[in-house]
Amino acid sequence: MRVRFQADADLNLAIVLAVVRREPAIDFQTAIMAALAFRPDSEVLSLTAAEGRLLVTYDQKTMPDHFAKFVAKETSSGLLIVPQHLPISVVVDELLLIWGATEHEEWINRICYVPL
């Protein structure tokens, strides 16, 4: 099964729009669509896992710890951490590569930093 992405509330919406513009078949849900704004990290991880989506976030400070605690008890569809300093074009290329070259199952309980 193909990877389905979920943008965290902190992720630049331009990334989501650019990915979908380049590949309209990609399922990339915005934080607004998922009502993730102002929710704690643990809840974001739970909602994302329930939807079977790979979470894409800028949050390098708190999300890795919350992710480790979450996967100790639950199953996650994975976490991608994107440094904010990366150009949007680089992030878009990486997400397109992930979507085209990997399957959903490869991301189960996995955390990865972009670029790969």
PDB file of N, CA and C in Angstrom:
ATOM      1  N   MET A   1       0.850  -1.179   0.000  1.00  0.00           N
ATOM      2  CA  MET A   1       0.000   0.000   0.000  1.00  0.00           C
ATOM      3  C   MET A   1       0.893   1.239   0.000  1.00  0.00           C
ATOM      4  N   ARG A   2       0.472   2.260  -0.708  1.00  0.00           N
ATOM      5  CA  ARG A   2       1.210   3.531  -0.784  1.00  0.00           C
ATOM      6  C   ARG A   2       1.189   4.272   0.548  1.00  0.00           C
ATOM      7  N   VAL A   3       2.230   5.066   0.748  1.00  0.00           N
ATOM      8  CA  VAL A   3       2.318   5.930   1.926  1.00  0.00           C
ATOM      9  C   VAL A   3       1.277   7.032   1.802  1.00  0.00           C
ATOM     10  N   ARG A   4       0.601   7.310   2.916  1.00  0.00           N
ATOM     11  CA  ARG A   4      -0.322   8.443   3.014  1.00  0.00           C
ATOM     12  C   ARG A   4       0.267   9.384   4.060  1.00  0.00           C
ATOM     13  N   PHE A   5       0.403  10.655   3.717  1.00  0.00           N
ATOM     14  CA  PHE A   5       1.046  11.624   4.589  1.00  0.00           C
ATOM     15  C   PHE A   5       0.040  12.424   5.415  1.00  0.00           C
ATOM     16  N   GLN A   6       0.509  12.848   6.595  1.00  0.00           N
ATOM     17  CA  GLN A   6      -0.241  13.762   7.455  1.00  0.00           C
ATOM     18  C   GLN A   6       0.692  14.892   7.852  1.00  0.00           C
ATOM     19  N   ALA A   7       0.323  16.119   7.544  1.00  0.00           N
ATOM     20  CA  ALA A   7       1.115  17.280   7.958  1.00  0.00           C
ATOM     21  C   ALA A   7       0.804  17.621   9.403  1.00  0.00           C
ATOM     22  N   ASP A   8       1.844  17.851  10.178  1.00  0.00           N
ATOM     23  CA  ASP A   8       1.671  18.348  11.540  1.00  0.00           C
ATOM     24  C   ASP A   8       1.286  19.824  11.445  1.00  0.00           C
ATOM     25  N   ALA A   9       0.755  20.368  12.528  1.00  0.00           N
ATOM     26  CA  ALA A   9       0.300  21.761  12.528  1.00  0.00           C
ATOM     27  C   ALA A   9       1.430  22.746  12.272  1.00  0.00           C
ATOM     28  N   ASP A  10       2.659  22.358  12.581  1.00  0.00           N
ATOM     29  CA  ASP A  10       3.783  23.277  12.388  1.00  0.00           C
ATOM     30  C   ASP A  10       4.376  23.240  10.985  1.00  0.00           C
ATOM     31  N   LEU A  11       4.002  22.267  10.172  1.00  0.00           N
ATOM     32  CA  LEU A  11       4.589  22.119   8.841  1.00  0.00           C
ATOM     33  C   LEU A  11       4.073  23.198   7.888  1.00  0.00           C
ATOM     34  N   ASN A  12       4.977  23.753   7.123  1.00  0.00           N
ATOM     35  CA  ASN A  12       4.638  24.790   6.145  1.00  0.00           C
ATOM     36  C   ASN A  12       3.643  24.216   5.120  1.00  0.00           C
ATOM     37  N   LEU A  13       2.497  24.848   5.020  1.00  0.00           N
ATOM     38  CA  LEU A  13       1.452  24.401   4.090  1.00  0.00           C
ATOM     39  C   LEU A  13       1.944  24.392   2.641  1.00  0.00           C
ATOM     40  N   ALA A  14       2.913  25.234   2.326  1.00  0.00           N
ATOM     41  CA  ALA A  14       3.466  25.267   0.967  1.00  0.00           C
ATOM     42  C   ALA A  14       4.074  23.922   0.575  1.00  0.00           C
ATOM     43  N   ILE A  15       4.583  23.177   1.556  1.00  0.00           N
ATOM     44  CA  ILE A  15       5.135  21.851   1.270  1.00  0.00           C
ATOM     45  C   ILE A  15       4.021  20.916   0.817  1.00  0.00           C
ATOM     46  N   VAL A  16       2.933  20.892   1.541  1.00  0.00           N
ATOM     47  CA  VAL A  16       1.798  20.030   1.188  1.00  0.00           C
ATOM     48  C   VAL A  16       1.280  20.397  -0.208  1.00  0.00           C
ATOM     49  N   LEU A  17       1.078  21.667  -0.437  1.00  0.00           N
ATOM     50  CA  LEU A  17       0.554  22.114  -1.728  1.00  0.00           C
ATOM     51  C   LEU A  17       1.490  21.773  -2.884  1.00  0.00           C
ATOM     52  N   ALA A  18       2.799  21.941  -2.670  1.00  0.00           N
ATOM     53  CA  ALA A  18       3.768  21.648  -3.726  1.00  0.00           C
ATOM     54  C   ALA A  18       3.840  20.153  -4.024  1.00  0.00           C
ATOM     55  N   VAL A  19       3.773  19.327  -3.000  1.00  0.00           N
ATOM     56  CA  VAL A  19       3.803  17.878  -3.204  1.00  0.00           C
ATOM     57  C   VAL A  19       2.590  17.441  -4.013  1.00  0.00           C
ATOM     58  N   VAL A  20       1.431  17.893  -3.621  1.00  0.00           N
ATOM     59  CA  VAL A  20       0.197  17.503  -4.311  1.00  0.00           C
ATOM     60  C   VAL A  20       0.144  18.096  -5.723  1.00  0.00           C
ATOM     61  N   ARG A  21       0.701  19.269  -5.902  1.00  0.00           N
ATOM     62  CA  ARG A  21       0.743  19.868  -7.239  1.00  0.00           C
ATOM     63  C   ARG A  21       1.637  19.033  -8.161  1.00  0.00           C
ATOM     64  N   ARG A  22       2.766  18.558  -7.633  1.00  0.00           N
ATOM     65  CA  ARG A  22       3.686  17.756  -8.447  1.00  0.00           C
ATOM     66  C   ARG A  22       3.159  16.350  -8.698  1.00  0.00           C
ATOM     67  N   GLU A  23       2.420  15.800  -7.712  1.00  0.00           N
ATOM     68  CA  GLU A  23       1.868  14.451  -7.864  1.00  0.00           C
ATOM     69  C   GLU A  23       0.476  14.403  -7.256  1.00  0.00           C
ATOM     70  N   PRO A  24      -0.539  14.713  -8.070  1.00  0.00           N
ATOM     71  CA  PRO A  24      -1.915  14.784  -7.563  1.00  0.00           C
ATOM     72  C   PRO A  24      -2.444  13.488  -6.943  1.00  0.00           C
ATOM     73  N   ALA A  25      -1.839  12.355  -7.240  1.00  0.00           N
ATOM     74  CA  ALA A  25      -2.314  11.084  -6.682  1.00  0.00           C
ATOM     75  C   ALA A  25      -1.912  10.899  -5.216  1.00  0.00           C
ATOM     76  N   ILE A  26      -1.014  11.722  -4.707  1.00  0.00           N
ATOM     77  CA  ILE A  26      -0.563  11.584  -3.326  1.00  0.00           C
ATOM     78  C   ILE A  26      -1.664  12.019  -2.367  1.00  0.00           C
ATOM     79  N   ASP A  27      -1.854  11.213  -1.339  1.00  0.00           N
ATOM     80  CA  ASP A  27      -2.808  11.516  -0.271  1.00  0.00           C
ATOM     81  C   ASP A  27      -2.021  12.203   0.847  1.00  0.00           C
ATOM     82  N   PHE A  28      -2.123  13.524   0.905  1.00  0.00           N
ATOM     83  CA  PHE A  28      -1.381  14.320   1.885  1.00  0.00           C
ATOM     84  C   PHE A  28      -2.376  15.237   2.583  1.00  0.00           C
ATOM     85  N   GLN A  29      -2.755  14.867   3.780  1.00  0.00           N
ATOM     86  CA  GLN A  29      -3.764  15.607   4.538  1.00  0.00           C
ATOM     87  C   GLN A  29      -3.117  16.753   5.316  1.00  0.00           C
ATOM     88  N   THR A  30      -3.740  17.913   5.262  1.00  0.00           N
ATOM     89  CA  THR A  30      -3.242  19.050   6.026  1.00  0.00           C
ATOM     90  C   THR A  30      -3.641  18.920   7.490  1.00  0.00           C
ATOM     91  N   ALA A  31      -2.959  19.673   8.330  1.00  0.00           N
ATOM     92  CA  ALA A  31      -3.301  19.680   9.753  1.00  0.00           C
ATOM     93  C   ALA A  31      -4.694  20.254   9.974  1.00  0.00           C
ATOM     94  N   ILE A  32      -5.081  21.195   9.144  1.00  0.00           N
ATOM     95  CA  ILE A  32      -6.418  21.798   9.253  1.00  0.00           C
ATOM     96  C   ILE A  32      -7.489  20.748   8.966  1.00  0.00           C
ATOM     97  N   MET A  33      -7.276  19.961   7.919  1.00  0.00           N
ATOM     98  CA  MET A  33      -8.244  18.917   7.571  1.00  0.00           C
ATOM     99  C   MET A  33      -8.397  17.893   8.689  1.00  0.00           C
ATOM    100  N   ALA A  34      -7.301  17.631   9.407  1.00  0.00           N
ATOM    101  CA  ALA A  34      -7.316  16.628  10.478  1.00  0.00           C
ATOM    102  C   ALA A  34      -7.580  17.238  11.851  1.00  0.00           C
ATOM    103  N   ALA A  35      -7.764  18.552  11.896  1.00  0.00           N
ATOM    104  CA  ALA A  35      -8.013  19.260  13.158  1.00  0.00           C
ATOM    105  C   ALA A  35      -6.922  18.989  14.200  1.00  0.00           C
ATOM    106  N   LEU A  36      -5.669  19.155  13.784  1.00  0.00           N
ATOM    107  CA  LEU A  36      -4.543  18.877  14.667  1.00  0.00           C
ATOM    108  C   LEU A  36      -4.034  20.087  15.441  1.00  0.00           C
ATOM    109  N   ALA A  37      -4.441  21.282  15.054  1.00  0.00           N
ATOM    110  CA  ALA A  37      -3.934  22.483  15.718  1.00  0.00           C
ATOM    111  C   ALA A  37      -4.250  22.461  17.210  1.00  0.00           C
ATOM    112  N   PHE A  38      -3.264  22.840  17.995  1.00  0.00           N
ATOM    113  CA  PHE A  38      -3.387  22.977  19.456  1.00  0.00           C
ATOM    114  C   PHE A  38      -3.582  21.653  20.179  1.00  0.00           C
ATOM    115  N   ARG A  39      -3.375  20.531  19.502  1.00  0.00           N
ATOM    116  CA  ARG A  39      -3.467  19.229  20.165  1.00  0.00           C
ATOM    117  C   ARG A  39      -2.074  18.830  20.662  1.00  0.00           C
ATOM    118  N   PRO A  40      -2.006  18.140  21.789  1.00  0.00           N
ATOM    119  CA  PRO A  40      -0.704  17.677  22.277  1.00  0.00           C
ATOM    120  C   PRO A  40      -0.099  16.633  21.329  1.00  0.00           C
ATOM    121  N   ASP A  41       1.228  16.533  21.350  1.00  0.00           N
ATOM    122  CA  ASP A  41       1.923  15.596  20.458  1.00  0.00           C
ATOM    123  C   ASP A  41       1.391  14.176  20.576  1.00  0.00           C
ATOM    124  N   SER A  42       1.140  13.722  21.793  1.00  0.00           N
ATOM    125  CA  SER A  42       0.655  12.356  21.981  1.00  0.00           C
ATOM    126  C   SER A  42      -0.681  12.132  21.266  1.00  0.00           C
ATOM    127  N   GLU A  43      -1.529  13.123  21.289  1.00  0.00           N
ATOM    128  CA  GLU A  43      -2.821  13.019  20.613  1.00  0.00           C
ATOM    129  C   GLU A  43      -2.656  13.067  19.095  1.00  0.00           C
ATOM    130  N   VAL A  44      -1.752  13.902  18.627  1.00  0.00           N
ATOM    131  CA  VAL A  44      -1.469  13.978  17.187  1.00  0.00           C
ATOM    132  C   VAL A  44      -0.978  12.615  16.697  1.00  0.00           C
ATOM    133  N   LEU A  45      -0.073  12.008  17.441  1.00  0.00           N
ATOM    134  CA  LEU A  45       0.438  10.689  17.065  1.00  0.00           C
ATOM    135  C   LEU A  45      -0.672   9.639  17.056  1.00  0.00           C
ATOM    136  N   SER A  46      -1.539   9.696  18.024  1.00  0.00           N
ATOM    137  CA  SER A  46      -2.640   8.739  18.103  1.00  0.00           C
ATOM    138  C   SER A  46      -3.608   8.906  16.935  1.00  0.00           C
ATOM    139  N   LEU A  47      -3.987  10.130  16.643  1.00  0.00           N
ATOM    140  CA  LEU A  47      -4.917  10.387  15.535  1.00  0.00           C
ATOM    141  C   LEU A  47      -4.301   9.996  14.197  1.00  0.00           C
ATOM    142  N   THR A  48      -3.029  10.298  14.036  1.00  0.00           N
ATOM    143  CA  THR A  48      -2.334   9.970  12.791  1.00  0.00           C
ATOM    144  C   THR A  48      -2.225   8.452  12.618  1.00  0.00           C
ATOM    145  N   ALA A  49      -1.917   7.761  13.696  1.00  0.00           N
ATOM    146  CA  ALA A  49      -1.827   6.292  13.642  1.00  0.00           C
ATOM    147  C   ALA A  49      -3.178   5.673  13.300  1.00  0.00           C
ATOM    148  N   ALA A  50      -4.231   6.207  13.881  1.00  0.00           N
ATOM    149  CA  ALA A  50      -5.574   5.689  13.611  1.00  0.00           C
ATOM    150  C   ALA A  50      -5.947   5.838  12.136  1.00  0.00           C
ATOM    151  N   GLU A  51      -5.409   6.872  11.502  1.00  0.00           N
ATOM    152  CA  GLU A  51      -5.670   7.114  10.077  1.00  0.00           C
ATOM    153  C   GLU A  51      -4.688   6.370   9.173  1.00  0.00           C
ATOM    154  N   GLY A  52      -3.657   5.768   9.763  1.00  0.00           N
ATOM    155  CA  GLY A  52      -2.654   5.056   8.964  1.00  0.00           C
ATOM    156  C   GLY A  52      -1.795   5.976   8.135  1.00  0.00           C
ATOM    157  N   ARG A  53      -1.460   7.149   8.696  1.00  0.00           N
ATOM    158  CA  ARG A  53      -0.696   8.146   7.955  1.00  0.00           C
ATOM    159  C   ARG A  53       0.689   8.362   8.549  1.00  0.00           C
ATOM    160  N   LEU A  54       1.633   8.656   7.688  1.00  0.00           N
ATOM    161  CA  LEU A  54       2.995   8.997   8.070  1.00  0.00           C
ATOM    162  C   LEU A  54       3.014  10.488   8.423  1.00  0.00           C
ATOM    163  N   LEU A  55       3.354  10.800   9.666  1.00  0.00           N
ATOM    164  CA  LEU A  55       3.333  12.181  10.144  1.00  0.00           C
ATOM    165  C   LEU A  55       4.591  12.911   9.701  1.00  0.00           C
ATOM    166  N   VAL A  56       4.411  14.099   9.126  1.00  0.00           N
ATOM    167  CA  VAL A  56       5.516  14.944   8.675  1.00  0.00           C
ATOM    168  C   VAL A  56       5.506  16.199   9.535  1.00  0.00           C
ATOM    169  N   THR A  57       6.637  16.470  10.209  1.00  0.00           N
ATOM    170  CA  THR A  57       6.687  17.566  11.169  1.00  0.00           C
ATOM    171  C   THR A  57       8.022  18.285  11.141  1.00  0.00           C
ATOM    172  N   TYR A  58       8.020  19.522  11.623  1.00  0.00           N
ATOM    173  CA  TYR A  58       9.257  20.264  11.866  1.00  0.00           C
ATOM    174  C   TYR A  58       9.756  20.035  13.291  1.00  0.00           C
ATOM    175  N   ASP A  59       8.930  19.495  14.151  1.00  0.00           N
ATOM    176  CA  ASP A  59       9.196  19.418  15.586  1.00  0.00           C
ATOM    177  C   ASP A  59      10.298  18.414  15.929  1.00  0.00           C
ATOM    178  N   GLN A  60      11.524  18.920  16.012  1.00  0.00           N
ATOM    179  CA  GLN A  60      12.671  18.085  16.363  1.00  0.00           C
ATOM    180  C   GLN A  60      12.901  18.025  17.867  1.00  0.00           C
ATOM    181  N   LYS A  61      12.251  18.908  18.609  1.00  0.00           N
ATOM    182  CA  LYS A  61      12.505  19.006  20.044  1.00  0.00           C
ATOM    183  C   LYS A  61      11.666  18.039  20.867  1.00  0.00           C
ATOM    184  N   THR A  62      10.364  18.045  20.685  1.00  0.00           N
ATOM    185  CA  THR A  62       9.504  17.231  21.551  1.00  0.00           C
ATOM    186  C   THR A  62       8.951  15.979  20.872  1.00  0.00           C
ATOM    187  N   MET A  63       8.765  16.018  19.577  1.00  0.00           N
ATOM    188  CA  MET A  63       8.101  14.898  18.902  1.00  0.00           C
ATOM    189  C   MET A  63       8.875  13.578  18.980  1.00  0.00           C
ATOM    190  N   PRO A  64      10.214  13.560  18.865  1.00  0.00           N
ATOM    191  CA  PRO A  64      10.911  12.264  18.969  1.00  0.00           C
ATOM    192  C   PRO A  64      10.661  11.552  20.302  1.00  0.00           C
ATOM    193  N   ASP A  65      10.664  12.276  21.409  1.00  0.00           N
ATOM    194  CA  ASP A  65      10.395  11.657  22.710  1.00  0.00           C
ATOM    195  C   ASP A  65       8.959  11.145  22.799  1.00  0.00           C
ATOM    196  N   HIS A  66       8.023  11.942  22.327  1.00  0.00           N
ATOM    197  CA  HIS A  66       6.621  11.511  22.335  1.00  0.00           C
ATOM    198  C   HIS A  66       6.425  10.297  21.431  1.00  0.00           C
ATOM    199  N   PHE A  67       7.128  10.284  20.314  1.00  0.00           N
ATOM    200  CA  PHE A  67       7.035   9.155  19.389  1.00  0.00           C
ATOM    201  C   PHE A  67       7.566   7.878  20.050  1.00  0.00           C
ATOM    202  N   ALA A  68       8.715   7.979  20.724  1.00  0.00           N
ATOM    203  CA  ALA A  68       9.292   6.808  21.399  1.00  0.00           C
ATOM    204  C   ALA A  68       8.336   6.254  22.451  1.00  0.00           C
ATOM    205  N   LYS A  69       7.715   7.135  23.212  1.00  0.00           N
ATOM    206  CA  LYS A  69       6.744   6.695  24.224  1.00  0.00           C
ATOM    207  C   LYS A  69       5.514   6.071  23.566  1.00  0.00           C
ATOM    208  N   PHE A  70       5.083   6.668  22.466  1.00  0.00           N
ATOM    209  CA  PHE A  70       3.900   6.169  21.769  1.00  0.00           C
ATOM    210  C   PHE A  70       4.133   4.761  21.228  1.00  0.00           C
ATOM    211  N   VAL A  71       5.255   4.547  20.525  1.00  0.00           N
ATOM    212  CA  VAL A  71       5.483   3.238  19.897  1.00  0.00           C
ATOM    213  C   VAL A  71       5.834   2.156  20.913  1.00  0.00           C
ATOM    214  N   ALA A  72       6.136   2.549  22.139  1.00  0.00           N
ATOM    215  CA  ALA A  72       6.362   1.547  23.187  1.00  0.00           C
ATOM    216  C   ALA A  72       5.054   0.851  23.562  1.00  0.00           C
ATOM    217  N   LYS A  73       3.922   1.510  23.285  1.00  0.00           N
ATOM    218  CA  LYS A  73       2.619   0.966  23.660  1.00  0.00           C
ATOM    219  C   LYS A  73       1.686   0.750  22.471  1.00  0.00           C
ATOM    220  N   GLU A  74       1.866   1.537  21.421  1.00  0.00           N
ATOM    221  CA  GLU A  74       0.950   1.530  20.276  1.00  0.00           C
ATOM    222  C   GLU A  74       1.739   1.329  18.974  1.00  0.00           C
ATOM    223  N   THR A  75       1.013   1.152  17.893  1.00  0.00           N
ATOM    224  CA  THR A  75       1.622   1.055  16.572  1.00  0.00           C
ATOM    225  C   THR A  75       1.425   2.367  15.837  1.00  0.00           C
ATOM    226  N   SER A  76       2.502   2.861  15.257  1.00  0.00           N
ATOM    227  CA  SER A  76       2.472   4.121  14.516  1.00  0.00           C
ATOM    228  C   SER A  76       2.730   3.853  13.043  1.00  0.00           C
ATOM    229  N   SER A  77       2.252   4.744  12.213  1.00  0.00           N
ATOM    230  CA  SER A  77       2.541   4.664  10.777  1.00  0.00           C
ATOM    231  C   SER A  77       3.818   5.403  10.430  1.00  0.00           C
ATOM    232  N   GLY A  78       4.540   5.871  11.432  1.00  0.00           N
ATOM    233  CA  GLY A  78       5.844   6.482  11.213  1.00  0.00           C
ATOM    234  C   GLY A  78       5.859   7.980  11.397  1.00  0.00           C
ATOM    235  N   LEU A  79       7.086   8.503  11.484  1.00  0.00           N
ATOM    236  CA  LEU A  79       7.318   9.919  11.718  1.00  0.00           C
ATOM    237  C   LEU A  79       8.481  10.391  10.861  1.00  0.00           C
ATOM    238  N   LEU A  80       8.259  11.464  10.113  1.00  0.00           N
ATOM    239  CA  LEU A  80       9.306  12.124   9.343  1.00  0.00           C
ATOM    240  C   LEU A  80       9.551  13.501   9.944  1.00  0.00           C
ATOM    241  N   ILE A  81      10.795  13.771  10.303  1.00  0.00           N
ATOM    242  CA  ILE A  81      11.143  15.067  10.866  1.00  0.00           C
ATOM    243  C   ILE A  81      11.930  15.844   9.813  1.00  0.00           C
ATOM    244  N   VAL A  82      11.447  17.040   9.515  1.00  0.00           N
ATOM    245  CA  VAL A  82      12.021  17.888   8.484  1.00  0.00           C
ATOM    246  C   VAL A  82      12.658  19.108   9.139  1.00  0.00           C
ATOM    247  N   PRO A  83      13.951  19.342   8.929  1.00  0.00           N
ATOM    248  CA  PRO A  83      14.550  20.571   9.448  1.00  0.00           C
ATOM    249  C   PRO A  83      13.951  21.798   8.750  1.00  0.00           C
ATOM    250  N   GLN A  84      13.636  22.819   9.517  1.00  0.00           N
ATOM    251  CA  GLN A  84      13.001  24.016   8.949  1.00  0.00           C
ATOM    252  C   GLN A  84      13.899  24.763   7.972  1.00  0.00           C
ATOM    253  N   HIS A  85      15.200  24.605   8.093  1.00  0.00           N
ATOM    254  CA  HIS A  85      16.110  25.352   7.226  1.00  0.00           C
ATOM    255  C   HIS A  85      16.193  24.786   5.807  1.00  0.00           C
ATOM    256  N   LEU A  86      15.674  23.590   5.600  1.00  0.00           N
ATOM    257  CA  LEU A  86      15.730  23.002   4.260  1.00  0.00           C
ATOM    258  C   LEU A  86      14.834  23.770   3.295  1.00  0.00           C
ATOM    259  N   PRO A  87      15.303  23.972   2.076  1.00  0.00           N
ATOM    260  CA  PRO A  87      14.434  24.599   1.076  1.00  0.00           C
ATOM    261  C   PRO A  87      13.211  23.717   0.807  1.00  0.00           C
ATOM    262  N   ILE A  88      12.101  24.352   0.551  1.00  0.00           N
ATOM    263  CA  ILE A  88      10.863  23.619   0.286  1.00  0.00           C
ATOM    264  C   ILE A  88      11.051  22.637  -0.866  1.00  0.00           C
ATOM    265  N   SER A  89      11.776  23.031  -1.886  1.00  0.00           N
ATOM    266  CA  SER A  89      11.979  22.145  -3.041  1.00  0.00           C
ATOM    267  C   SER A  89      12.680  20.846  -2.651  1.00  0.00           C
ATOM    268  N   VAL A  90      13.614  20.907  -1.717  1.00  0.00           N
ATOM    269  CA  VAL A  90      14.314  19.701  -1.257  1.00  0.00           C
ATOM    270  C   VAL A  90      13.346  18.794  -0.501  1.00  0.00           C
ATOM    271  N   VAL A  91      12.545  19.382   0.371  1.00  0.00           N
ATOM    272  CA  VAL A  91      11.570  18.603   1.138  1.00  0.00           C
ATOM    273  C   VAL A  91      10.560  17.946   0.193  1.00  0.00           C
ATOM    274  N   VAL A  92      10.083  18.687  -0.765  1.00  0.00           N
ATOM    275  CA  VAL A  92       9.120  18.151  -1.735  1.00  0.00           C
ATOM    276  C   VAL A  92       9.728  16.973  -2.481  1.00  0.00           C
ATOM    277  N   ASP A  93      10.960  17.127  -2.959  1.00  0.00           N
ATOM    278  CA  ASP A  93      11.627  16.026  -3.672  1.00  0.00           C
ATOM    279  C   ASP A  93      11.765  14.792  -2.792  1.00  0.00           C
ATOM    280  N   GLU A  94      12.122  14.982  -1.531  1.00  0.00           N
ATOM    281  CA  GLU A  94      12.272  13.855  -0.611  1.00  0.00           C
ATOM    282  C   GLU A  94      10.935  13.145  -0.368  1.00  0.00           C
ATOM    283  N   LEU A  95       9.885  13.913  -0.178  1.00  0.00           N
ATOM    284  CA  LEU A  95       8.566  13.313   0.054  1.00  0.00           C
ATOM    285  C   LEU A  95       8.074  12.571  -1.181  1.00  0.00           C
ATOM    286  N   LEU A  96       8.330  13.111  -2.348  1.00  0.00           N
ATOM    287  CA  LEU A  96       7.963  12.418  -3.585  1.00  0.00           C
ATOM    288  C   LEU A  96       8.747  11.119  -3.732  1.00  0.00           C
ATOM    289  N   LEU A  97      10.016  11.144  -3.352  1.00  0.00           N
ATOM    290  CA  LEU A  97      10.837   9.939  -3.396  1.00  0.00           C
ATOM    291  C   LEU A  97      10.293   8.883  -2.435  1.00  0.00           C
ATOM    292  N   ILE A  98       9.962   9.293  -1.228  1.00  0.00           N
ATOM    293  CA  ILE A  98       9.397   8.369  -0.238  1.00  0.00           C
ATOM    294  C   ILE A  98       8.110   7.761  -0.762  1.00  0.00           C
ATOM    295  N   TRP A  99       7.250   8.590  -1.321  1.00  0.00           N
ATOM    296  CA  TRP A  99       5.966   8.117  -1.825  1.00  0.00           C
ATOM    297  C   TRP A  99       6.161   7.138  -2.988  1.00  0.00           C
ATOM    298  N   GLY A 100       7.098   7.446  -3.855  1.00  0.00           N
ATOM    299  CA  GLY A 100       7.287   6.617  -5.041  1.00  0.00           C
ATOM    300  C   GLY A 100       8.091   5.351  -4.815  1.00  0.00           C
ATOM    301  N   ALA A 101       8.953   5.346  -3.789  1.00  0.00           N
ATOM    302  CA  ALA A 101       9.897   4.245  -3.639  1.00  0.00           C
ATOM    303  C   ALA A 101       9.654   3.350  -2.428  1.00  0.00           C
ATOM    304  N   THR A 102       8.709   3.727  -1.563  1.00  0.00           N
ATOM    305  CA  THR A 102       8.481   2.916  -0.366  1.00  0.00           C
ATOM    306  C   THR A 102       7.006   2.568  -0.224  1.00  0.00           C
ATOM    307  N   GLU A 103       6.764   1.640   0.663  1.00  0.00           N
ATOM    308  CA  GLU A 103       5.399   1.221   0.969  1.00  0.00           C
ATOM    309  C   GLU A 103       5.066   1.599   2.405  1.00  0.00           C
ATOM    310  N   HIS A 104       3.790   1.725   2.682  1.00  0.00           N
ATOM    311  CA  HIS A 104       3.299   2.082   4.017  1.00  0.00           C
ATOM    312  C   HIS A 104       3.927   1.201   5.105  1.00  0.00           C
ATOM    313  N   GLU A 105       3.996  -0.080   4.851  1.00  0.00           N
ATOM    314  CA  GLU A 105       4.476  -1.032   5.854  1.00  0.00           C
ATOM    315  C   GLU A 105       5.930  -0.791   6.262  1.00  0.00           C
ATOM    316  N   GLU A 106       6.713  -0.176   5.398  1.00  0.00           N
ATOM    317  CA  GLU A 106       8.115   0.091   5.702  1.00  0.00           C
ATOM    318  C   GLU A 106       8.293   1.173   6.770  1.00  0.00           C
ATOM    319  N   TRP A 107       7.248   1.933   7.035  1.00  0.00           N
ATOM    320  CA  TRP A 107       7.338   3.051   7.966  1.00  0.00           C
ATOM    321  C   TRP A 107       6.758   2.753   9.340  1.00  0.00           C
ATOM    322  N   ILE A 108       6.210   1.572   9.529  1.00  0.00           N
ATOM    323  CA  ILE A 108       5.589   1.226  10.803  1.00  0.00           C
ATOM    324  C   ILE A 108       6.605   1.399  11.944  1.00  0.00           C
ATOM    325  N   ASN A 109       6.245   2.228  12.922  1.00  0.00           N
ATOM    326  CA  ASN A 109       7.050   2.497  14.118  1.00  0.00           C
ATOM    327  C   ASN A 109       8.455   3.029  13.809  1.00  0.00           C
ATOM    328  N   ARG A 110       8.618   3.662  12.685  1.00  0.00           N
ATOM    329  CA  ARG A 110       9.916   4.175  12.258  1.00  0.00           C
ATOM    330  C   ARG A 110       9.944   5.695  12.317  1.00  0.00           C
ATOM    331  N   ILE A 111      11.067   6.236  12.785  1.00  0.00           N
ATOM    332  CA  ILE A 111      11.297   7.674  12.762  1.00  0.00           C
ATOM    333  C   ILE A 111      12.463   7.934  11.821  1.00  0.00           C
ATOM    334  N   CYS A 112      12.344   8.983  11.023  1.00  0.00           N
ATOM    335  CA  CYS A 112      13.381   9.281  10.039  1.00  0.00           C
ATOM    336  C   CYS A 112      13.503  10.799   9.916  1.00  0.00           C
ATOM    337  N   TYR A 113      14.715  11.232   9.671  1.00  0.00           N
ATOM    338  CA  TYR A 113      14.982  12.640   9.456  1.00  0.00           C
ATOM    339  C   TYR A 113      15.202  12.894   7.981  1.00  0.00           C
ATOM    340  N   VAL A 114      14.566  13.920   7.449  1.00  0.00           N
ATOM    341  CA  VAL A 114      14.714  14.300   6.049  1.00  0.00           C
ATOM    342  C   VAL A 114      15.803  15.363   5.989  1.00  0.00           C
ATOM    343  N   PRO A 115      16.746  15.329   5.058  1.00  0.00           N
ATOM    344  CA  PRO A 115      16.802  14.378   3.948  1.00  0.00           C
ATOM    345  C   PRO A 115      17.281  13.017   4.415  1.00  0.00           C
ATOM    346  N   LEU A 116      16.859  12.008   3.654  1.00  0.00           N
ATOM    347  CA  LEU A 116      17.181  10.620   4.001  1.00  0.00           C
ATOM    348  C   LEU A 116      18.664  10.355   3.879  1.00  0.00           C
TER     349      LEU A 116
END
